[in-house]
Every structure is written in C-alpha cells, then in structure tokens.
Amino acid sequence: MSRALIVIGIVIILIGVLWPWLGRLGLGHLPGDIVIDRGNVKFYLPITTYLLISVAISLVLWVMNRRHRARSSPRETHQAHLHSHKHK
C-alpha cells in the first residue's frame, strides 16, 4: 500500500513538472471539453480530458494489479482471500 502511494505521488509530481509540455499535446482542449466564456466569467469543464486520463490511469492500475497477482503464489492469494473474508 505504501509503495503504491509513493508511486502515485511521484506520478503527480512528474505530471506537474511536465505540464507545460503536456499542454502542447492538446489535453484540456479536446472535442467534448466544455468552455463557456461570457464577459468576465469563464467556465471550463474538460469532460473528454477527464475521461481520457481516467481510462489511462485505470489501464495502468489494471496492469500493475495483474503483475502483482502473477508474482504471488496461488497459496498466498488463497490465504489473502480467506483472510479478507474473516474480517468482514
């Protein structure tokens, strides 16, 4: 769990550092992103960008979970499953 939090923190830092270059890719200005500009009020809702980022994060977490399961032995996986049901 702590390893995952460290990785998530590092990814967030990298995104923050790389944001100027990521902006050039068009993230935030995709078709489906809503921008309402009326006088001195600007409302911005990047729906498509959020969906794209969500799919990318889901795929990364899915791959990480599959790799973690592949490393665990079947016995460890079974014991963890039994342990999780005891505490419910």
PDB file of N, CA and C in Angstrom:
ATOM      1  N   MET A   1       0.821  -1.195   0.000  1.00  0.00           N
ATOM      2  CA  MET A   1       0.000   0.000   0.000  1.00  0.00           C
ATOM      3  C   MET A   1       0.863   1.257   0.000  1.00  0.00           C
ATOM      4  N   SER A   2       1.895   1.269   0.844  1.00  0.00           N
ATOM      5  CA  SER A   2       2.751   2.460   0.913  1.00  0.00           C
ATOM      6  C   SER A   2       3.524   2.649  -0.392  1.00  0.00           C
ATOM      7  N   ARG A   3       3.898   1.550  -1.013  1.00  0.00           N
ATOM      8  CA  ARG A   3       4.605   1.640  -2.291  1.00  0.00           C
ATOM      9  C   ARG A   3       3.715   2.278  -3.361  1.00  0.00           C
ATOM     10  N   ALA A   4       2.446   1.905  -3.355  1.00  0.00           N
ATOM     11  CA  ALA A   4       1.506   2.475  -4.330  1.00  0.00           C
ATOM     12  C   ALA A   4       1.340   3.975  -4.105  1.00  0.00           C
ATOM     13  N   LEU A   5       1.264   4.400  -2.848  1.00  0.00           N
ATOM     14  CA  LEU A   5       1.127   5.830  -2.563  1.00  0.00           C
ATOM     15  C   LEU A   5       2.363   6.609  -2.997  1.00  0.00           C
ATOM     16  N   ILE A   6       3.527   6.015  -2.813  1.00  0.00           N
ATOM     17  CA  ILE A   6       4.764   6.671  -3.252  1.00  0.00           C
ATOM     18  C   ILE A   6       4.774   6.805  -4.771  1.00  0.00           C
ATOM     19  N   VAL A   7       4.381   5.754  -5.471  1.00  0.00           N
ATOM     20  CA  VAL A   7       4.339   5.791  -6.936  1.00  0.00           C
ATOM     21  C   VAL A   7       3.330   6.834  -7.408  1.00  0.00           C
ATOM     22  N   ILE A   8       2.154   6.878  -6.782  1.00  0.00           N
ATOM     23  CA  ILE A   8       1.142   7.868  -7.165  1.00  0.00           C
ATOM     24  C   ILE A   8       1.676   9.283  -6.932  1.00  0.00           C
ATOM     25  N   GLY A   9       2.360   9.498  -5.815  1.00  0.00           N
ATOM     26  CA  GLY A   9       2.954  10.805  -5.537  1.00  0.00           C
ATOM     27  C   GLY A   9       3.985  11.211  -6.568  1.00  0.00           C
ATOM     28  N   ILE A  10       4.837  10.265  -6.953  1.00  0.00           N
ATOM     29  CA  ILE A  10       5.855  10.549  -7.967  1.00  0.00           C
ATOM     30  C   ILE A  10       5.210  10.873  -9.308  1.00  0.00           C
ATOM     31  N   VAL A  11       4.156  10.138  -9.660  1.00  0.00           N
ATOM     32  CA  VAL A  11       3.446  10.404 -10.920  1.00  0.00           C
ATOM     33  C   VAL A  11       2.828  11.797 -10.894  1.00  0.00           C
ATOM     34  N   ILE A  12       2.234  12.186  -9.781  1.00  0.00           N
ATOM     35  CA  ILE A  12       1.637  13.521  -9.681  1.00  0.00           C
ATOM     36  C   ILE A  12       2.704  14.598  -9.814  1.00  0.00           C
ATOM     37  N   ILE A  13       3.848  14.397  -9.183  1.00  0.00           N
ATOM     38  CA  ILE A  13       4.952  15.359  -9.303  1.00  0.00           C
ATOM     39  C   ILE A  13       5.430  15.444 -10.749  1.00  0.00           C
ATOM     40  N   LEU A  14       5.588  14.303 -11.406  1.00  0.00           N
ATOM     41  CA  LEU A  14       6.030  14.301 -12.805  1.00  0.00           C
ATOM     42  C   LEU A  14       5.037  15.023 -13.708  1.00  0.00           C
ATOM     43  N   ILE A  15       3.751  14.796 -13.484  1.00  0.00           N
ATOM     44  CA  ILE A  15       2.734  15.482 -14.294  1.00  0.00           C
ATOM     45  C   ILE A  15       2.839  16.984 -14.076  1.00  0.00           C
ATOM     46  N   GLY A  16       3.034  17.400 -12.816  1.00  0.00           N
ATOM     47  CA  GLY A  16       3.170  18.824 -12.528  1.00  0.00           C
ATOM     48  C   GLY A  16       4.381  19.446 -13.202  1.00  0.00           C
ATOM     49  N   VAL A  17       5.493  18.727 -13.196  1.00  0.00           N
ATOM     50  CA  VAL A  17       6.714  19.241 -13.813  1.00  0.00           C
ATOM     51  C   VAL A  17       6.590  19.262 -15.335  1.00  0.00           C
ATOM     52  N   LEU A  18       5.949  18.240 -15.884  1.00  0.00           N
ATOM     53  CA  LEU A  18       5.832  18.122 -17.337  1.00  0.00           C
ATOM     54  C   LEU A  18       4.611  18.829 -17.910  1.00  0.00           C
ATOM     55  N   TRP A  19       3.816  19.500 -17.063  1.00  0.00           N
ATOM     56  CA  TRP A  19       2.562  20.098 -17.530  1.00  0.00           C
ATOM     57  C   TRP A  19       2.720  21.048 -18.716  1.00  0.00           C
ATOM     58  N   PRO A  20       3.731  21.913 -18.734  1.00  0.00           N
ATOM     59  CA  PRO A  20       3.858  22.800 -19.904  1.00  0.00           C
ATOM     60  C   PRO A  20       3.984  22.037 -21.229  1.00  0.00           C
ATOM     61  N   TRP A  21       4.668  20.914 -21.212  1.00  0.00           N
ATOM     62  CA  TRP A  21       4.829  20.111 -22.437  1.00  0.00           C
ATOM     63  C   TRP A  21       3.589  19.269 -22.714  1.00  0.00           C
ATOM     64  N   LEU A  22       2.920  18.806 -21.640  1.00  0.00           N
ATOM     65  CA  LEU A  22       1.693  18.028 -21.826  1.00  0.00           C
ATOM     66  C   LEU A  22       0.582  18.899 -22.406  1.00  0.00           C
ATOM     67  N   GLY A  23       0.593  20.193 -22.083  1.00  0.00           N
ATOM     68  CA  GLY A  23      -0.400  21.114 -22.630  1.00  0.00           C
ATOM     69  C   GLY A  23      -0.307  21.226 -24.147  1.00  0.00           C
ATOM     70  N   ARG A  24       0.877  21.025 -24.671  1.00  0.00           N
ATOM     71  CA  ARG A  24       1.063  21.091 -26.129  1.00  0.00           C
ATOM     72  C   ARG A  24       0.445  19.901 -26.853  1.00  0.00           C
ATOM     73  N   LEU A  25       0.168  18.814 -26.119  1.00  0.00           N
ATOM     74  CA  LEU A  25      -0.449  17.630 -26.719  1.00  0.00           C
ATOM     75  C   LEU A  25      -1.932  17.836 -27.000  1.00  0.00           C
ATOM     76  N   GLY A  26      -2.497  18.896 -26.443  1.00  0.00           N
ATOM     77  CA  GLY A  26      -3.914  19.164 -26.670  1.00  0.00           C
ATOM     78  C   GLY A  26      -4.799  18.732 -25.521  1.00  0.00           C
ATOM     79  N   LEU A  27      -4.208  18.175 -24.460  1.00  0.00           N
ATOM     80  CA  LEU A  27      -5.027  17.816 -23.306  1.00  0.00           C
ATOM     81  C   LEU A  27      -5.652  19.076 -22.739  1.00  0.00           C
ATOM     82  N   GLY A  28      -6.941  19.001 -22.477  1.00  0.00           N
ATOM     83  CA  GLY A  28      -7.663  20.162 -21.987  1.00  0.00           C
ATOM     84  C   GLY A  28      -8.360  20.936 -23.085  1.00  0.00           C
ATOM     85  N   HIS A  29      -8.058  20.611 -24.323  1.00  0.00           N
ATOM     86  CA  HIS A  29      -8.684  21.291 -25.462  1.00  0.00           C
ATOM     87  C   HIS A  29      -9.200  20.269 -26.468  1.00  0.00           C
ATOM     88  N   LEU A  30      -9.689  19.152 -25.955  1.00  0.00           N
ATOM     89  CA  LEU A  30     -10.191  18.090 -26.825  1.00  0.00           C
ATOM     90  C   LEU A  30     -11.656  18.330 -27.162  1.00  0.00           C
ATOM     91  N   PRO A  31     -12.152  17.741 -28.267  1.00  0.00           N
ATOM     92  CA  PRO A  31     -13.585  17.836 -28.551  1.00  0.00           C
ATOM     93  C   PRO A  31     -14.360  17.194 -27.393  1.00  0.00           C
ATOM     94  N   GLY A  32     -15.353  17.876 -26.910  1.00  0.00           N
ATOM     95  CA  GLY A  32     -16.125  17.374 -25.771  1.00  0.00           C
ATOM     96  C   GLY A  32     -15.797  18.114 -24.487  1.00  0.00           C
ATOM     97  N   ASP A  33     -14.687  18.822 -24.453  1.00  0.00           N
ATOM     98  CA  ASP A  33     -14.370  19.682 -23.312  1.00  0.00           C
ATOM     99  C   ASP A  33     -15.228  20.932 -23.419  1.00  0.00           C
ATOM    100  N   ILE A  34     -15.886  21.307 -22.340  1.00  0.00           N
ATOM    101  CA  ILE A  34     -16.846  22.410 -22.354  1.00  0.00           C
ATOM    102  C   ILE A  34     -16.175  23.693 -21.880  1.00  0.00           C
ATOM    103  N   VAL A  35     -16.299  24.739 -22.666  1.00  0.00           N
ATOM    104  CA  VAL A  35     -15.791  26.063 -22.304  1.00  0.00           C
ATOM    105  C   VAL A  35     -16.909  27.069 -22.546  1.00  0.00           C
ATOM    106  N   ILE A  36     -17.296  27.781 -21.491  1.00  0.00           N
ATOM    107  CA  ILE A  36     -18.301  28.838 -21.611  1.00  0.00           C
ATOM    108  C   ILE A  36     -17.620  30.134 -21.208  1.00  0.00           C
ATOM    109  N   ASP A  37     -17.557  31.077 -22.140  1.00  0.00           N
ATOM    110  CA  ASP A  37     -16.882  32.357 -21.901  1.00  0.00           C
ATOM    111  C   ASP A  37     -17.894  33.477 -22.101  1.00  0.00           C
ATOM    112  N   ARG A  38     -18.309  34.088 -20.990  1.00  0.00           N
ATOM    113  CA  ARG A  38     -19.296  35.178 -21.050  1.00  0.00           C
ATOM    114  C   ARG A  38     -18.757  36.376 -20.288  1.00  0.00           C
ATOM    115  N   GLY A  39     -18.298  37.338 -21.003  1.00  0.00           N
ATOM    116  CA  GLY A  39     -17.789  38.553 -20.381  1.00  0.00           C
ATOM    117  C   GLY A  39     -16.590  38.280 -19.487  1.00  0.00           C
ATOM    118  N   ASN A  40     -16.760  38.572 -18.192  1.00  0.00           N
ATOM    119  CA  ASN A  40     -15.648  38.372 -17.266  1.00  0.00           C
ATOM    120  C   ASN A  40     -15.713  37.028 -16.546  1.00  0.00           C
ATOM    121  N   VAL A  41     -16.603  36.125 -16.983  1.00  0.00           N
ATOM    122  CA  VAL A  41     -16.728  34.800 -16.362  1.00  0.00           C
ATOM    123  C   VAL A  41     -16.370  33.742 -17.394  1.00  0.00           C
ATOM    124  N   LYS A  42     -15.468  32.846 -16.998  1.00  0.00           N
ATOM    125  CA  LYS A  42     -15.090  31.742 -17.884  1.00  0.00           C
ATOM    126  C   LYS A  42     -15.266  30.440 -17.114  1.00  0.00           C
ATOM    127  N   PHE A  43     -16.083  29.539 -17.660  1.00  0.00           N
ATOM    128  CA  PHE A  43     -16.335  28.234 -17.054  1.00  0.00           C
ATOM    129  C   PHE A  43     -15.718  27.179 -17.948  1.00  0.00           C
ATOM    130  N   TYR A  44     -14.948  26.289 -17.326  1.00  0.00           N
ATOM    131  CA  TYR A  44     -14.204  25.300 -18.090  1.00  0.00           C
ATOM    132  C   TYR A  44     -14.421  23.934 -17.474  1.00  0.00           C
ATOM    133  N   LEU A  45     -14.929  22.969 -18.245  1.00  0.00           N
ATOM    134  CA  LEU A  45     -15.162  21.611 -17.775  1.00  0.00           C
ATOM    135  C   LEU A  45     -14.600  20.633 -18.807  1.00  0.00           C
ATOM    136  N   PRO A  46     -13.389  20.130 -18.570  1.00  0.00           N
ATOM    137  CA  PRO A  46     -12.733  19.246 -19.552  1.00  0.00           C
ATOM    138  C   PRO A  46     -13.189  17.786 -19.434  1.00  0.00           C
ATOM    139  N   ILE A  47     -14.424  17.507 -19.839  1.00  0.00           N
ATOM    140  CA  ILE A  47     -15.003  16.166 -19.686  1.00  0.00           C
ATOM    141  C   ILE A  47     -14.203  15.119 -20.454  1.00  0.00           C
ATOM    142  N   THR A  48     -13.912  15.356 -21.709  1.00  0.00           N
ATOM    143  CA  THR A  48     -13.185  14.378 -22.520  1.00  0.00           C
ATOM    144  C   THR A  48     -11.778  14.144 -21.978  1.00  0.00           C
ATOM    145  N   THR A  49     -11.126  15.202 -21.540  1.00  0.00           N
ATOM    146  CA  THR A  49      -9.789  15.056 -20.965  1.00  0.00           C
ATOM    147  C   THR A  49      -9.849  14.212 -19.703  1.00  0.00           C
ATOM    148  N   TYR A  50     -10.853  14.451 -18.842  1.00  0.00           N
ATOM    149  CA  TYR A  50     -11.005  13.649 -17.626  1.00  0.00           C
ATOM    150  C   TYR A  50     -11.230  12.179 -17.961  1.00  0.00           C
ATOM    151  N   LEU A  51     -12.065  11.920 -18.967  1.00  0.00           N
ATOM    152  CA  LEU A  51     -12.322  10.532 -19.360  1.00  0.00           C
ATOM    153  C   LEU A  51     -11.060   9.857 -19.883  1.00  0.00           C
ATOM    154  N   LEU A  52     -10.311  10.560 -20.697  1.00  0.00           N
ATOM    155  CA  LEU A  52      -9.074  10.007 -21.249  1.00  0.00           C
ATOM    156  C   LEU A  52      -8.063   9.701 -20.134  1.00  0.00           C
ATOM    157  N   ILE A  53      -7.915  10.625 -19.203  1.00  0.00           N
ATOM    158  CA  ILE A  53      -6.993  10.412 -18.081  1.00  0.00           C
ATOM    159  C   ILE A  53      -7.478   9.260 -17.208  1.00  0.00           C
ATOM    160  N   SER A  54      -8.783   9.168 -16.981  1.00  0.00           N
ATOM    161  CA  SER A  54      -9.347   8.085 -16.182  1.00  0.00           C
ATOM    162  C   SER A  54      -9.086   6.722 -16.812  1.00  0.00           C
ATOM    163  N   VAL A  55      -9.262   6.626 -18.121  1.00  0.00           N
ATOM    164  CA  VAL A  55      -9.001   5.360 -18.825  1.00  0.00           C
ATOM    165  C   VAL A  55      -7.515   5.003 -18.732  1.00  0.00           C
ATOM    166  N   ALA A  56      -6.646   5.985 -18.900  1.00  0.00           N
ATOM    167  CA  ALA A  56      -5.203   5.729 -18.821  1.00  0.00           C
ATOM    168  C   ALA A  56      -4.813   5.252 -17.422  1.00  0.00           C
ATOM    169  N   ILE A  57      -5.316   5.909 -16.391  1.00  0.00           N
ATOM    170  CA  ILE A  57      -4.996   5.507 -15.013  1.00  0.00           C
ATOM    171  C   ILE A  57      -5.558   4.121 -14.723  1.00  0.00           C
ATOM    172  N   SER A  58      -6.781   3.851 -15.182  1.00  0.00           N
ATOM    173  CA  SER A  58      -7.382   2.525 -14.977  1.00  0.00           C
ATOM    174  C   SER A  58      -6.557   1.430 -15.631  1.00  0.00           C
ATOM    175  N   LEU A  59      -6.075   1.688 -16.840  1.00  0.00           N
ATOM    176  CA  LEU A  59      -5.241   0.690 -17.523  1.00  0.00           C
ATOM    177  C   LEU A  59      -3.929   0.443 -16.785  1.00  0.00           C
ATOM    178  N   VAL A  60      -3.307   1.508 -16.311  1.00  0.00           N
ATOM    179  CA  VAL A  60      -2.049   1.364 -15.574  1.00  0.00           C
ATOM    180  C   VAL A  60      -2.283   0.562 -14.299  1.00  0.00           C
ATOM    181  N   LEU A  61      -3.336   0.879 -13.546  1.00  0.00           N
ATOM    182  CA  LEU A  61      -3.616   0.149 -12.314  1.00  0.00           C
ATOM    183  C   LEU A  61      -3.986  -1.303 -12.594  1.00  0.00           C
ATOM    184  N   TRP A  62      -4.702  -1.562 -13.684  1.00  0.00           N
ATOM    185  CA  TRP A  62      -5.062  -2.923 -14.050  1.00  0.00           C
ATOM    186  C   TRP A  62      -3.810  -3.750 -14.355  1.00  0.00           C
ATOM    187  N   VAL A  63      -2.887  -3.154 -15.116  1.00  0.00           N
ATOM    188  CA  VAL A  63      -1.634  -3.850 -15.444  1.00  0.00           C
ATOM    189  C   VAL A  63      -0.822  -4.100 -14.169  1.00  0.00           C
ATOM    190  N   MET A  64      -0.750  -3.099 -13.301  1.00  0.00           N
ATOM    191  CA  MET A  64       0.002  -3.273 -12.047  1.00  0.00           C
ATOM    192  C   MET A  64      -0.614  -4.379 -11.205  1.00  0.00           C
ATOM    193  N   ASN A  65      -1.949  -4.453 -11.150  1.00  0.00           N
ATOM    194  CA  ASN A  65      -2.632  -5.482 -10.374  1.00  0.00           C
ATOM    195  C   ASN A  65      -2.371  -6.869 -10.961  1.00  0.00           C
ATOM    196  N   ARG A  66      -2.404  -6.984 -12.279  1.00  0.00           N
ATOM    197  CA  ARG A  66      -2.145  -8.280 -12.924  1.00  0.00           C
ATOM    198  C   ARG A  66      -0.712  -8.739 -12.677  1.00  0.00           C
ATOM    199  N   ARG A  67       0.238  -7.797 -12.726  1.00  0.00           N
ATOM    200  CA  ARG A  67       1.639  -8.150 -12.484  1.00  0.00           C
ATOM    201  C   ARG A  67       1.827  -8.587 -11.040  1.00  0.00           C
ATOM    202  N   HIS A  68       1.126  -7.917 -10.114  1.00  0.00           N
ATOM    203  CA  HIS A  68       1.229  -8.268  -8.701  1.00  0.00           C
ATOM    204  C   HIS A  68       0.656  -9.665  -8.453  1.00  0.00           C
ATOM    205  N   ARG A  69      -0.471  -9.965  -9.080  1.00  0.00           N
ATOM    206  CA  ARG A  69      -1.075 -11.292  -8.933  1.00  0.00           C
ATOM    207  C   ARG A  69      -0.182 -12.375  -9.529  1.00  0.00           C
ATOM    208  N   ALA A  70       0.479 -12.069 -10.633  1.00  0.00           N
ATOM    209  CA  ALA A  70       1.342 -13.056 -11.287  1.00  0.00           C
ATOM    210  C   ALA A  70       2.538 -13.401 -10.396  1.00  0.00           C
ATOM    211  N   ARG A  71       3.014 -12.431  -9.616  1.00  0.00           N
ATOM    212  CA  ARG A  71       4.146 -12.676  -8.728  1.00  0.00           C
ATOM    213  C   ARG A  71       3.752 -13.476  -7.498  1.00  0.00           C
ATOM    214  N   SER A  72       2.508 -13.345  -7.044  1.00  0.00           N
ATOM    215  CA  SER A  72       2.048 -14.058  -5.857  1.00  0.00           C
ATOM    216  C   SER A  72       1.813 -15.513  -6.204  1.00  0.00           C
ATOM    217  N   SER A  73       2.123 -16.370  -5.265  1.00  0.00           N
ATOM    218  CA  SER A  73       1.835 -17.780  -5.482  1.00  0.00           C
ATOM    219  C   SER A  73       0.346 -18.012  -5.267  1.00  0.00           C
ATOM    220  N   PRO A  74      -0.203 -19.070  -5.839  1.00  0.00           N
ATOM    221  CA  PRO A  74      -1.634 -19.352  -5.637  1.00  0.00           C
ATOM    222  C   PRO A  74      -1.984 -19.535  -4.167  1.00  0.00           C
ATOM    223  N   ARG A  75      -1.087 -20.108  -3.387  1.00  0.00           N
ATOM    224  CA  ARG A  75      -1.352 -20.321  -1.966  1.00  0.00           C
ATOM    225  C   ARG A  75      -1.462 -18.985  -1.237  1.00  0.00           C
ATOM    226  N   GLU A  76      -0.561 -18.045  -1.516  1.00  0.00           N
ATOM    227  CA  GLU A  76      -0.615 -16.723  -0.888  1.00  0.00           C
ATOM    228  C   GLU A  76      -1.899 -16.002  -1.265  1.00  0.00           C
ATOM    229  N   THR A  77      -2.286 -16.108  -2.519  1.00  0.00           N
ATOM    230  CA  THR A  77      -3.503 -15.456  -2.980  1.00  0.00           C
ATOM    231  C   THR A  77      -4.712 -16.044  -2.267  1.00  0.00           C
ATOM    232  N   HIS A  78      -4.751 -17.359  -2.125  1.00  0.00           N
ATOM    233  CA  HIS A  78      -5.861 -18.030  -1.453  1.00  0.00           C
ATOM    234  C   HIS A  78      -5.911 -17.631   0.019  1.00  0.00           C
ATOM    235  N   GLN A  79      -4.766 -17.576   0.695  1.00  0.00           N
ATOM    236  CA  GLN A  79      -4.731 -17.185   2.102  1.00  0.00           C
ATOM    237  C   GLN A  79      -5.174 -15.734   2.272  1.00  0.00           C
ATOM    238  N   ALA A  80      -4.774 -14.861   1.394  1.00  0.00           N
ATOM    239  CA  ALA A  80      -5.199 -13.464   1.473  1.00  0.00           C
ATOM    240  C   ALA A  80      -6.704 -13.355   1.267  1.00  0.00           C
ATOM    241  N   HIS A  81      -7.240 -14.158   0.361  1.00  0.00           N
ATOM    242  CA  HIS A  81      -8.676 -14.153   0.107  1.00  0.00           C
ATOM    243  C   HIS A  81      -9.429 -14.617   1.349  1.00  0.00           C
ATOM    244  N   LEU A  82      -8.968 -15.693   1.976  1.00  0.00           N
ATOM    245  CA  LEU A  82      -9.600 -16.189   3.189  1.00  0.00           C
ATOM    246  C   LEU A  82      -9.505 -15.164   4.305  1.00  0.00           C
ATOM    247  N   HIS A  83      -8.363 -14.521   4.446  1.00  0.00           N
ATOM    248  CA  HIS A  83      -8.149 -13.526   5.488  1.00  0.00           C
ATOM    249  C   HIS A  83      -9.089 -12.337   5.310  1.00  0.00           C
ATOM    250  N   SER A  84      -9.318 -11.911   4.090  1.00  0.00           N
ATOM    251  CA  SER A  84     -10.178 -10.751   3.841  1.00  0.00           C
ATOM    252  C   SER A  84     -11.631 -11.082   4.185  1.00  0.00           C
ATOM    253  N   HIS A  85     -12.059 -12.333   4.001  1.00  0.00           N
ATOM    254  CA  HIS A  85     -13.439 -12.706   4.317  1.00  0.00           C
ATOM    255  C   HIS A  85     -13.667 -12.905   5.809  1.00  0.00           C
ATOM    256  N   LYS A  86     -12.625 -13.191   6.566  1.00  0.00           N
ATOM    257  CA  LYS A  86     -12.750 -13.357   8.015  1.00  0.00           C
ATOM    258  C   LYS A  86     -13.121 -12.045   8.691  1.00  0.00           C
ATOM    259  N   HIS A  87     -12.578 -10.948   8.179  1.00  0.00           N
ATOM    260  CA  HIS A  87     -12.737  -9.652   8.839  1.00  0.00           C
ATOM    261  C   HIS A  87     -13.939  -8.861   8.353  1.00  0.00           C
ATOM    262  N   LYS A  88     -14.762  -9.451   7.533  1.00  0.00           N
ATOM    263  CA  LYS A  88     -15.950  -8.717   7.043  1.00  0.00           C
ATOM    264  C   LYS A  88     -17.111  -8.882   7.978  1.00  0.00           C
TER     265      LYS A  88
END
